[in-house]
PDB file of all heavy atoms in Angstrom:
ATOM      1  N   LEU A   1     -54.455 -34.692 226.243  1.00  0.00           N
ATOM      2  CA  LEU A   1     -55.502 -33.764 225.837  1.00  0.00           C
ATOM      3  C   LEU A   1     -56.802 -34.535 225.737  1.00  0.00           C
ATOM      4  O   LEU A   1     -56.794 -35.722 225.419  1.00  0.00           O
ATOM      5  CB  LEU A   1     -55.197 -33.151 224.455  1.00  0.00           C
ATOM      6  CG  LEU A   1     -53.888 -32.381 224.241  1.00  0.00           C
ATOM      7  CD1 LEU A   1     -53.707 -32.113 222.750  1.00  0.00           C
ATOM      8  CD2 LEU A   1     -53.907 -31.070 225.012  1.00  0.00           C
ATOM      9  N   ASP A   2     -57.919 -33.877 225.986  1.00  0.00           N
ATOM     10  CA  ASP A   2     -59.184 -34.513 225.625  1.00  0.00           C
ATOM     11  C   ASP A   2     -59.505 -34.117 224.181  1.00  0.00           C
ATOM     12  O   ASP A   2     -58.758 -33.359 223.543  1.00  0.00           O
ATOM     13  CB  ASP A   2     -60.309 -34.153 226.598  1.00  0.00           C
ATOM     14  CG  ASP A   2     -60.694 -32.675 226.591  1.00  0.00           C
ATOM     15  OD1 ASP A   2     -60.569 -32.028 225.542  1.00  0.00           O
ATOM     16  OD2 ASP A   2     -61.121 -32.169 227.642  1.00  0.00           O
ATOM     17  N   LEU A   3     -60.611 -34.625 223.652  1.00  0.00           N
ATOM     18  CA  LEU A   3     -60.887 -34.435 222.233  1.00  0.00           C
ATOM     19  C   LEU A   3     -61.153 -32.976 221.891  1.00  0.00           C
ATOM     20  O   LEU A   3     -60.713 -32.478 220.845  1.00  0.00           O
ATOM     21  CB  LEU A   3     -62.083 -35.304 221.822  1.00  0.00           C
ATOM     22  CG  LEU A   3     -62.259 -35.550 220.318  1.00  0.00           C
ATOM     23  CD1 LEU A   3     -60.978 -36.054 219.696  1.00  0.00           C
ATOM     24  CD2 LEU A   3     -63.393 -36.543 220.092  1.00  0.00           C
ATOM     25  N   ALA A   4     -61.851 -32.265 222.761  1.00  0.00           N
ATOM     26  CA  ALA A   4     -62.116 -30.846 222.502  1.00  0.00           C
ATOM     27  C   ALA A   4     -60.822 -30.037 222.510  1.00  0.00           C
ATOM     28  O   ALA A   4     -60.638 -29.125 221.685  1.00  0.00           O
ATOM     29  CB  ALA A   4     -63.089 -30.294 223.546  1.00  0.00           C
ATOM     30  N   GLN A   5     -59.904 -30.367 223.405  1.00  0.00           N
ATOM     31  CA  GLN A   5     -58.613 -29.681 223.424  1.00  0.00           C
ATOM     32  C   GLN A   5     -57.793 -30.014 222.181  1.00  0.00           C
ATOM     33  O   GLN A   5     -57.121 -29.144 221.622  1.00  0.00           O
ATOM     34  CB  GLN A   5     -57.829 -30.075 224.679  1.00  0.00           C
ATOM     35  CG  GLN A   5     -58.389 -29.516 225.971  1.00  0.00           C
ATOM     36  CD  GLN A   5     -57.637 -30.047 227.173  1.00  0.00           C
ATOM     37  OE1 GLN A   5     -57.615 -31.245 227.427  1.00  0.00           O
ATOM     38  NE2 GLN A   5     -56.996 -29.157 227.909  1.00  0.00           N
ATOM     39  N   ALA A   6     -57.849 -31.275 221.748  1.00  0.00           N
ATOM     40  CA  ALA A   6     -57.112 -31.673 220.552  1.00  0.00           C
ATOM     41  C   ALA A   6     -57.608 -30.905 219.328  1.00  0.00           C
ATOM     42  O   ALA A   6     -56.816 -30.431 218.510  1.00  0.00           O
ATOM     43  CB  ALA A   6     -57.257 -33.177 220.324  1.00  0.00           C
ATOM     44  N   GLU A   7     -58.918 -30.749 219.214  1.00  0.00           N
ATOM     45  CA  GLU A   7     -59.471 -29.983 218.095  1.00  0.00           C
ATOM     46  C   GLU A   7     -59.091 -28.514 218.201  1.00  0.00           C
ATOM     47  O   GLU A   7     -58.918 -27.835 217.175  1.00  0.00           O
ATOM     48  CB  GLU A   7     -60.991 -30.136 218.075  1.00  0.00           C
ATOM     49  CG  GLU A   7     -61.439 -31.529 217.662  1.00  0.00           C
ATOM     50  CD  GLU A   7     -62.924 -31.750 217.874  1.00  0.00           C
ATOM     51  OE1 GLU A   7     -63.406 -31.478 218.995  1.00  0.00           O
ATOM     52  OE2 GLU A   7     -63.591 -32.184 216.929  1.00  0.00           O
ATOM     53  N   ALA A   8     -58.930 -28.019 219.424  1.00  0.00           N
ATOM     54  CA  ALA A   8     -58.536 -26.625 219.615  1.00  0.00           C
ATOM     55  C   ALA A   8     -57.136 -26.361 219.075  1.00  0.00           C
ATOM     56  O   ALA A   8     -56.828 -25.231 218.680  1.00  0.00           O
ATOM     57  CB  ALA A   8     -58.604 -26.253 221.096  1.00  0.00           C
ATOM     58  N   VAL A   9     -56.283 -27.385 219.048  1.00  0.00           N
ATOM     59  CA  VAL A   9     -54.948 -27.231 218.460  1.00  0.00           C
ATOM     60  C   VAL A   9     -55.079 -26.837 216.997  1.00  0.00           C
ATOM     61  O   VAL A   9     -54.453 -25.876 216.522  1.00  0.00           O
ATOM     62  CB  VAL A   9     -54.134 -28.528 218.600  1.00  0.00           C
ATOM     63  CG1 VAL A   9     -52.816 -28.412 217.848  1.00  0.00           C
ATOM     64  CG2 VAL A   9     -53.877 -28.847 220.072  1.00  0.00           C
ATOM     65  N   ALA A  10     -55.909 -27.577 216.250  1.00  0.00           N
ATOM     66  CA  ALA A  10     -56.119 -27.264 214.833  1.00  0.00           C
ATOM     67  C   ALA A  10     -56.804 -25.913 214.669  1.00  0.00           C
ATOM     68  O   ALA A  10     -56.485 -25.146 213.762  1.00  0.00           O
ATOM     69  CB  ALA A  10     -56.943 -28.364 214.172  1.00  0.00           C
ATOM     70  N   ASP A  11     -57.749 -25.602 215.559  1.00  0.00           N
ATOM     71  CA  ASP A  11     -58.452 -24.323 215.464  1.00  0.00           C
ATOM     72  C   ASP A  11     -57.511 -23.154 215.725  1.00  0.00           C
ATOM     73  O   ASP A  11     -57.645 -22.088 215.109  1.00  0.00           O
ATOM     74  CB  ASP A  11     -59.612 -24.287 216.459  1.00  0.00           C
ATOM     75  CG  ASP A  11     -60.731 -25.242 216.082  1.00  0.00           C
ATOM     76  OD1 ASP A  11     -60.836 -25.579 214.884  1.00  0.00           O
ATOM     77  OD2 ASP A  11     -61.487 -25.656 216.977  1.00  0.00           O
ATOM     78  N   LEU A  12     -56.568 -23.333 216.631  1.00  0.00           N
ATOM     79  CA  LEU A  12     -55.598 -22.275 216.919  1.00  0.00           C
ATOM     80  C   LEU A  12     -54.716 -22.021 215.697  1.00  0.00           C
ATOM     81  O   LEU A  12     -54.421 -20.874 215.352  1.00  0.00           O
ATOM     82  CB  LEU A  12     -54.746 -22.664 218.130  1.00  0.00           C
ATOM     83  CG  LEU A  12     -53.734 -21.632 218.628  1.00  0.00           C
ATOM     84  CD1 LEU A  12     -54.429 -20.342 219.045  1.00  0.00           C
ATOM     85  CD2 LEU A  12     -52.924 -22.190 219.793  1.00  0.00           C
ATOM     86  N   ILE A  13     -54.319 -23.093 215.026  1.00  0.00           N
ATOM     87  CA  ILE A  13     -53.495 -22.952 213.822  1.00  0.00           C
ATOM     88  C   ILE A  13     -54.280 -22.260 212.708  1.00  0.00           C
ATOM     89  O   ILE A  13     -53.752 -21.414 211.982  1.00  0.00           O
ATOM     90  CB  ILE A  13     -53.006 -24.333 213.349  1.00  0.00           C
ATOM     91  CG1 ILE A  13     -52.044 -24.937 214.383  1.00  0.00           C
ATOM     92  CG2 ILE A  13     -52.321 -24.241 211.986  1.00  0.00           C
ATOM     93  CD1 ILE A  13     -51.686 -26.386 214.116  1.00  0.00           C
ATOM     94  N   ASP A  14     -55.569 -22.594 212.587  1.00  0.00           N
ATOM     95  CA  ASP A  14     -56.386 -22.080 211.489  1.00  0.00           C
ATOM     96  C   ASP A  14     -57.113 -20.783 211.813  1.00  0.00           C
ATOM     97  O   ASP A  14     -57.867 -20.276 210.976  1.00  0.00           O
ATOM     98  CB  ASP A  14     -57.433 -23.134 211.090  1.00  0.00           C
ATOM     99  CG  ASP A  14     -56.795 -24.392 210.522  1.00  0.00           C
ATOM    100  OD1 ASP A  14     -55.676 -24.285 209.982  1.00  0.00           O
ATOM    101  OD2 ASP A  14     -57.414 -25.472 210.617  1.00  0.00           O
ATOM    102  N   ALA A  15     -56.918 -20.236 213.014  1.00  0.00           N
ATOM    103  CA  ALA A  15     -57.676 -19.051 213.430  1.00  0.00           C
ATOM    104  C   ALA A  15     -57.512 -17.918 212.424  1.00  0.00           C
ATOM    105  O   ALA A  15     -56.396 -17.577 212.017  1.00  0.00           O
ATOM    106  CB  ALA A  15     -57.216 -18.589 214.815  1.00  0.00           C
ATOM    107  N   ALA A  16     -58.653 -17.334 212.019  1.00  0.00           N
ATOM    108  CA  ALA A  16     -58.649 -16.279 211.014  1.00  0.00           C
ATOM    109  C   ALA A  16     -58.656 -14.889 211.624  1.00  0.00           C
ATOM    110  O   ALA A  16     -58.630 -13.895 210.896  1.00  0.00           O
ATOM    111  CB  ALA A  16     -59.858 -16.440 210.086  1.00  0.00           C
ATOM    112  N   SER A  17     -58.723 -14.785 212.942  1.00  0.00           N
ATOM    113  CA  SER A  17     -58.712 -13.483 213.601  1.00  0.00           C
ATOM    114  C   SER A  17     -58.101 -13.648 214.982  1.00  0.00           C
ATOM    115  O   SER A  17     -57.984 -14.762 215.504  1.00  0.00           O
ATOM    116  CB  SER A  17     -60.135 -12.913 213.720  1.00  0.00           C
ATOM    117  OG  SER A  17     -60.899 -13.675 214.634  1.00  0.00           O
ATOM    118  N   ARG A  18     -57.719 -12.509 215.576  1.00  0.00           N
ATOM    119  CA  ARG A  18     -57.123 -12.564 216.912  1.00  0.00           C
ATOM    120  C   ARG A  18     -58.124 -13.096 217.931  1.00  0.00           C
ATOM    121  O   ARG A  18     -57.769 -13.865 218.822  1.00  0.00           O
ATOM    122  CB  ARG A  18     -56.643 -11.174 217.320  1.00  0.00           C
ATOM    123  CG  ARG A  18     -56.073 -11.116 218.723  1.00  0.00           C
ATOM    124  CD  ARG A  18     -55.508  -9.753 219.049  1.00  0.00           C
ATOM    125  NE  ARG A  18     -54.310  -9.474 218.249  1.00  0.00           N
ATOM    126  CZ  ARG A  18     -53.559  -8.386 218.401  1.00  0.00           C
ATOM    127  NH1 ARG A  18     -53.889  -7.483 219.311  1.00  0.00           N
ATOM    128  NH2 ARG A  18     -52.495  -8.202 217.647  1.00  0.00           N
ATOM    129  N   GLU A  19     -59.400 -12.693 217.788  1.00  0.00           N
ATOM    130  CA  GLU A  19     -60.408 -13.150 218.738  1.00  0.00           C
ATOM    131  C   GLU A  19     -60.614 -14.656 218.617  1.00  0.00           C
ATOM    132  O   GLU A  19     -60.807 -15.355 219.614  1.00  0.00           O
ATOM    133  CB  GLU A  19     -61.721 -12.412 218.505  1.00  0.00           C
ATOM    134  CG  GLU A  19     -62.732 -12.577 219.619  1.00  0.00           C
ATOM    135  CD  GLU A  19     -62.214 -12.137 220.971  1.00  0.00           C
ATOM    136  OE1 GLU A  19     -61.515 -11.103 221.040  1.00  0.00           O
ATOM    137  OE2 GLU A  19     -62.484 -12.838 221.974  1.00  0.00           O
ATOM    138  N   ALA A  20     -60.582 -15.179 217.373  1.00  0.00           N
ATOM    139  CA  ALA A  20     -60.703 -16.624 217.171  1.00  0.00           C
ATOM    140  C   ALA A  20     -59.519 -17.351 217.797  1.00  0.00           C
ATOM    141  O   ALA A  20     -59.677 -18.414 218.411  1.00  0.00           O
ATOM    142  CB  ALA A  20     -60.797 -16.945 215.682  1.00  0.00           C
ATOM    143  N   ALA A  21     -58.320 -16.781 217.665  1.00  0.00           N
ATOM    144  CA  ALA A  21     -57.136 -17.397 218.270  1.00  0.00           C
ATOM    145  C   ALA A  21     -57.248 -17.415 219.794  1.00  0.00           C
ATOM    146  O   ALA A  21     -56.890 -18.399 220.445  1.00  0.00           O
ATOM    147  CB  ALA A  21     -55.881 -16.642 217.836  1.00  0.00           C
ATOM    148  N   ARG A  22     -57.764 -16.323 220.371  1.00  0.00           N
ATOM    149  CA  ARG A  22     -57.937 -16.284 221.830  1.00  0.00           C
ATOM    150  C   ARG A  22     -58.924 -17.349 222.295  1.00  0.00           C
ATOM    151  O   ARG A  22     -58.711 -18.020 223.312  1.00  0.00           O
ATOM    152  CB  ARG A  22     -58.421 -14.899 222.248  1.00  0.00           C
ATOM    153  CG  ARG A  22     -57.371 -13.804 222.146  1.00  0.00           C
ATOM    154  CD  ARG A  22     -57.986 -12.450 222.406  1.00  0.00           C
ATOM    155  NE  ARG A  22     -56.988 -11.382 222.363  1.00  0.00           N
ATOM    156  CZ  ARG A  22     -57.290 -10.086 222.332  1.00  0.00           C
ATOM    157  NH1 ARG A  22     -58.552  -9.712 222.341  1.00  0.00           N
ATOM    158  NH2 ARG A  22     -56.330  -9.176 222.288  1.00  0.00           N
ATOM    159  N   SER A  23     -60.018 -17.489 221.558  1.00  0.00           N
ATOM    160  CA  SER A  23     -61.021 -18.484 221.938  1.00  0.00           C
ATOM    161  C   SER A  23     -60.470 -19.891 221.795  1.00  0.00           C
ATOM    162  O   SER A  23     -60.738 -20.760 222.629  1.00  0.00           O
ATOM    163  CB  SER A  23     -62.283 -18.314 221.078  1.00  0.00           C
ATOM    164  OG  SER A  23     -62.905 -17.079 221.346  1.00  0.00           O
ATOM    165  N   ALA A  24     -59.694 -20.137 220.731  1.00  0.00           N
ATOM    166  CA  ALA A  24     -59.079 -21.451 220.558  1.00  0.00           C
ATOM    167  C   ALA A  24     -58.099 -21.738 221.690  1.00  0.00           C
ATOM    168  O   ALA A  24     -58.016 -22.871 222.186  1.00  0.00           O
ATOM    169  CB  ALA A  24     -58.363 -21.518 219.214  1.00  0.00           C
ATOM    170  N   MET A  25     -57.375 -20.703 222.117  1.00  0.00           N
ATOM    171  CA  MET A  25     -56.425 -20.890 223.210  1.00  0.00           C
ATOM    172  C   MET A  25     -57.151 -21.217 224.502  1.00  0.00           C
ATOM    173  O   MET A  25     -56.690 -22.044 225.303  1.00  0.00           O
ATOM    174  CB  MET A  25     -55.582 -19.617 223.371  1.00  0.00           C
ATOM    175  CG  MET A  25     -54.372 -19.808 224.264  1.00  0.00           C
ATOM    176  SD  MET A  25     -53.185 -20.975 223.580  1.00  0.00           S
ATOM    177  CE  MET A  25     -52.950 -22.083 224.953  1.00  0.00           C
ATOM    178  N   ARG A  26     -58.317 -20.591 224.718  1.00  0.00           N
ATOM    179  CA  ARG A  26     -59.097 -20.905 225.916  1.00  0.00           C
ATOM    180  C   ARG A  26     -59.548 -22.367 225.901  1.00  0.00           C
ATOM    181  O   ARG A  26     -59.530 -23.052 226.918  1.00  0.00           O
ATOM    182  CB  ARG A  26     -60.303 -19.963 226.019  1.00  0.00           C
ATOM    183  CG  ARG A  26     -59.953 -18.566 226.515  1.00  0.00           C
ATOM    184  CD  ARG A  26     -61.196 -17.778 226.865  1.00  0.00           C
ATOM    185  NE  ARG A  26     -61.914 -17.343 225.682  1.00  0.00           N
ATOM    186  CZ  ARG A  26     -61.745 -16.168 225.099  1.00  0.00           C
ATOM    187  NH1 ARG A  26     -60.879 -15.309 225.598  1.00  0.00           N
ATOM    188  NH2 ARG A  26     -62.444 -15.832 224.030  1.00  0.00           N
ATOM    189  N   SER A  27     -59.953 -22.843 224.718  1.00  0.00           N
ATOM    190  CA  SER A  27     -60.362 -24.249 224.605  1.00  0.00           C
ATOM    191  C   SER A  27     -59.177 -25.181 224.813  1.00  0.00           C
ATOM    192  O   SER A  27     -59.298 -26.231 225.437  1.00  0.00           O
ATOM    193  CB  SER A  27     -61.009 -24.507 223.244  1.00  0.00           C
ATOM    194  OG  SER A  27     -62.244 -23.837 223.138  1.00  0.00           O
ATOM    195  N   LEU A  28     -58.010 -24.789 224.280  1.00  0.00           N
ATOM    196  CA  LEU A  28     -56.819 -25.613 224.446  1.00  0.00           C
ATOM    197  C   LEU A  28     -56.413 -25.688 225.917  1.00  0.00           C
ATOM    198  O   LEU A  28     -55.944 -26.731 226.387  1.00  0.00           O
ATOM    199  CB  LEU A  28     -55.674 -25.048 223.597  1.00  0.00           C
ATOM    200  CG  LEU A  28     -54.346 -25.811 223.630  1.00  0.00           C
ATOM    201  CD1 LEU A  28     -54.544 -27.260 223.234  1.00  0.00           C
ATOM    202  CD2 LEU A  28     -53.329 -25.138 222.710  1.00  0.00           C
ATOM    203  N   ARG A  29     -56.603 -24.587 226.650  1.00  0.00           N
ATOM    204  CA  ARG A  29     -56.305 -24.605 228.086  1.00  0.00           C
ATOM    205  C   ARG A  29     -57.309 -25.459 228.855  1.00  0.00           C
ATOM    206  O   ARG A  29     -57.066 -25.810 230.005  1.00  0.00           O
ATOM    207  CB  ARG A  29     -56.340 -23.179 228.648  1.00  0.00           C
ATOM    208  CG  ARG A  29     -55.168 -22.309 228.286  1.00  0.00           C
ATOM    209  CD  ARG A  29     -55.053 -21.158 229.283  1.00  0.00           C
ATOM    210  NE  ARG A  29     -56.343 -20.521 229.507  1.00  0.00           N
ATOM    211  CZ  ARG A  29     -56.722 -19.375 228.941  1.00  0.00           C
ATOM    212  NH1 ARG A  29     -55.912 -18.755 228.108  1.00  0.00           N
ATOM    213  NH2 ARG A  29     -57.907 -18.856 229.206  1.00  0.00           N
ATOM    214  N   GLY A  30     -58.445 -25.743 228.253  1.00  0.00           N
ATOM    215  CA  GLY A  30     -59.416 -26.613 228.900  1.00  0.00           C
ATOM    216  C   GLY A  30     -60.670 -25.918 229.398  1.00  0.00           C
ATOM    217  O   GLY A  30     -61.479 -26.534 230.097  1.00  0.00           O
ATOM    218  N   ASP A  31     -60.897 -24.641 229.019  1.00  0.00           N
ATOM    219  CA  ASP A  31     -62.081 -23.922 229.505  1.00  0.00           C
ATOM    220  C   ASP A  31     -63.366 -24.575 229.010  1.00  0.00           C
ATOM    221  O   ASP A  31     -64.326 -24.747 229.779  1.00  0.00           O
ATOM    222  CB  ASP A  31     -62.034 -22.461 229.047  1.00  0.00           C
ATOM    223  CG  ASP A  31     -60.924 -21.674 229.740  1.00  0.00           C
ATOM    224  OD1 ASP A  31     -60.159 -22.284 230.503  1.00  0.00           O
ATOM    225  OD2 ASP A  31     -60.826 -20.459 229.513  1.00  0.00           O
ATOM    226  N   PHE A  32     -63.415 -24.915 227.725  1.00  0.00           N
ATOM    227  CA  PHE A  32     -64.603 -25.553 227.160  1.00  0.00           C
ATOM    228  C   PHE A  32     -64.812 -26.924 227.806  1.00  0.00           C
ATOM    229  O   PHE A  32     -65.924 -27.281 228.214  1.00  0.00           O
ATOM    230  CB  PHE A  32     -64.439 -25.672 225.645  1.00  0.00           C
ATOM    231  CG  PHE A  32     -65.644 -26.230 224.932  1.00  0.00           C
ATOM    232  CD1 PHE A  32     -66.936 -25.966 225.364  1.00  0.00           C
ATOM    233  CD2 PHE A  32     -65.480 -27.027 223.804  1.00  0.00           C
ATOM    234  CE1 PHE A  32     -68.043 -26.471 224.694  1.00  0.00           C
ATOM    235  CE2 PHE A  32     -66.574 -27.532 223.122  1.00  0.00           C
ATOM    236  CZ  PHE A  32     -67.862 -27.259 223.577  1.00  0.00           C
ATOM    237  N   SER A  33     -63.744 -27.698 227.916  1.00  0.00           N
ATOM    238  CA  SER A  33     -63.835 -29.029 228.523  1.00  0.00           C
ATOM    239  C   SER A  33     -64.286 -28.941 229.975  1.00  0.00           C
ATOM    240  O   SER A  33     -65.056 -29.792 230.452  1.00  0.00           O
ATOM    241  CB  SER A  33     -62.476 -29.733 228.450  1.00  0.00           C
ATOM    242  OG  SER A  33     -62.058 -29.876 227.096  1.00  0.00           O
ATOM    243  N   ALA A  34     -63.825 -27.902 230.688  1.00  0.00           N
ATOM    244  CA  ALA A  34     -64.221 -27.735 232.093  1.00  0.00           C
ATOM    245  C   ALA A  34     -65.713 -27.453 232.201  1.00  0.00           C
ATOM    246  O   ALA A  34     -66.391 -27.951 233.112  1.00  0.00           O
ATOM    247  CB  ALA A  34     -63.417 -26.614 232.738  1.00  0.00           C
ATOM    248  N   ALA A  35     -66.234 -26.644 231.264  1.00  0.00           N
ATOM    249  CA  ALA A  35     -67.673 -26.355 231.271  1.00  0.00           C
ATOM    250  C   ALA A  35     -68.477 -27.629 231.019  1.00  0.00           C
ATOM    251  O   ALA A  35     -69.511 -27.874 231.665  1.00  0.00           O
ATOM    252  CB  ALA A  35     -68.000 -25.301 230.222  1.00  0.00           C
ATOM    253  N   ILE A  36     -68.001 -28.454 230.080  1.00  0.00           N
ATOM    254  CA  ILE A  36     -68.679 -29.722 229.809  1.00  0.00           C
ATOM    255  C   ILE A  36     -68.564 -30.651 231.015  1.00  0.00           C
ATOM    256  O   ILE A  36     -69.519 -31.337 231.394  1.00  0.00           O
ATOM    257  CB  ILE A  36     -68.079 -30.397 228.557  1.00  0.00           C
ATOM    258  CG1 ILE A  36     -68.261 -29.504 227.324  1.00  0.00           C
ATOM    259  CG2 ILE A  36     -68.717 -31.760 228.321  1.00  0.00           C
ATOM    260  CD1 ILE A  36     -69.696 -29.187 226.989  1.00  0.00           C
ATOM    261  N   ALA A  37     -67.390 -30.654 231.653  1.00  0.00           N
ATOM    262  CA  ALA A  37     -67.179 -31.524 232.825  1.00  0.00           C
ATOM    263  C   ALA A  37     -68.114 -31.147 233.971  1.00  0.00           C
ATOM    264  O   ALA A  37     -68.609 -32.015 234.695  1.00  0.00           O
ATOM    265  CB  ALA A  37     -65.722 -31.444 233.285  1.00  0.00           C
ATOM    266  N   ARG A  38     -68.367 -29.834 234.137  1.00  0.00           N
ATOM    267  CA  ARG A  38     -69.296 -29.407 235.195  1.00  0.00           C
ATOM    268  C   ARG A  38     -70.710 -29.912 234.918  1.00  0.00           C
ATOM    269  O   ARG A  38     -71.419 -30.348 235.829  1.00  0.00           O
ATOM    270  CB  ARG A  38     -69.280 -27.885 235.320  1.00  0.00           C
ATOM    271  CG  ARG A  38     -68.037 -27.329 236.003  1.00  0.00           C
ATOM    272  CD  ARG A  38     -68.202 -25.874 236.360  1.00  0.00           C
ATOM    273  NE  ARG A  38     -68.287 -25.023 235.167  1.00  0.00           N
ATOM    274  CZ  ARG A  38     -67.241 -24.496 234.558  1.00  0.00           C
ATOM    275  NH1 ARG A  38     -66.019 -24.730 235.016  1.00  0.00           N
ATOM    276  NH2 ARG A  38     -67.393 -23.730 233.494  1.00  0.00           N
ATOM    277  N   LEU A  39     -71.108 -29.855 233.653  1.00  0.00           N
ATOM    278  CA  LEU A  39     -72.429 -30.379 233.294  1.00  0.00           C
ATOM    279  C   LEU A  39     -72.506 -31.883 233.537  1.00  0.00           C
ATOM    280  O   LEU A  39     -73.493 -32.390 234.083  1.00  0.00           O
ATOM    281  CB  LEU A  39     -72.729 -30.069 231.832  1.00  0.00           C
ATOM    282  CG  LEU A  39     -73.059 -28.616 231.493  1.00  0.00           C
ATOM    283  CD1 LEU A  39     -73.073 -28.423 229.981  1.00  0.00           C
ATOM    284  CD2 LEU A  39     -74.403 -28.216 232.082  1.00  0.00           C
ATOM    285  N   VAL A  40     -71.458 -32.602 233.148  1.00  0.00           N
ATOM    286  CA  VAL A  40     -71.437 -34.055 233.330  1.00  0.00           C
ATOM    287  C   VAL A  40     -71.453 -34.402 234.814  1.00  0.00           C
ATOM    288  O   VAL A  40     -72.151 -35.339 235.242  1.00  0.00           O
ATOM    289  CB  VAL A  40     -70.199 -34.663 232.630  1.00  0.00           C
ATOM    290  CG1 VAL A  40     -70.021 -36.126 233.014  1.00  0.00           C
ATOM    291  CG2 VAL A  40     -70.332 -34.542 231.117  1.00  0.00           C
ATOM    292  N   ALA A  41     -70.713 -33.641 235.625  1.00  0.00           N
ATOM    293  CA  ALA A  41     -70.700 -33.898 237.064  1.00  0.00           C
ATOM    294  C   ALA A  41     -72.083 -33.681 237.675  1.00  0.00           C
ATOM    295  O   ALA A  41     -72.537 -34.471 238.517  1.00  0.00           O
ATOM    296  CB  ALA A  41     -69.673 -32.992 237.744  1.00  0.00           C
ATOM    297  N   GLY A  42     -72.758 -32.626 237.240  1.00  0.00           N
ATOM    298  CA  GLY A  42     -74.107 -32.378 237.722  1.00  0.00           C
ATOM    299  C   GLY A  42     -75.070 -33.471 237.311  1.00  0.00           C
ATOM    300  O   GLY A  42     -75.930 -33.895 238.097  1.00  0.00           O
ATOM    301  N   LEU A  43     -74.923 -33.952 236.076  1.00  0.00           N
ATOM    302  CA  LEU A  43     -75.764 -35.055 235.605  1.00  0.00           C
ATOM    303  C   LEU A  43     -75.481 -36.333 236.388  1.00  0.00           C
ATOM    304  O   LEU A  43     -76.398 -37.094 236.706  1.00  0.00           O
ATOM    305  CB  LEU A  43     -75.530 -35.285 234.110  1.00  0.00           C
ATOM    306  CG  LEU A  43     -76.306 -34.387 233.154  1.00  0.00           C
ATOM    307  CD1 LEU A  43     -75.795 -34.546 231.738  1.00  0.00           C
ATOM    308  CD2 LEU A  43     -77.797 -34.696 233.217  1.00  0.00           C
TER     309      LEU A  43
END
């Protein structure tokens, strides 16, 4: 896992709503990391 995905594990456990759990799951799958990776690649 990268660091953002690792933090998403804790966020998924602590999610206070279904929408928060869905967003945490997206981060755990790597959606947030992929967005950051695209920015880094462009840079």
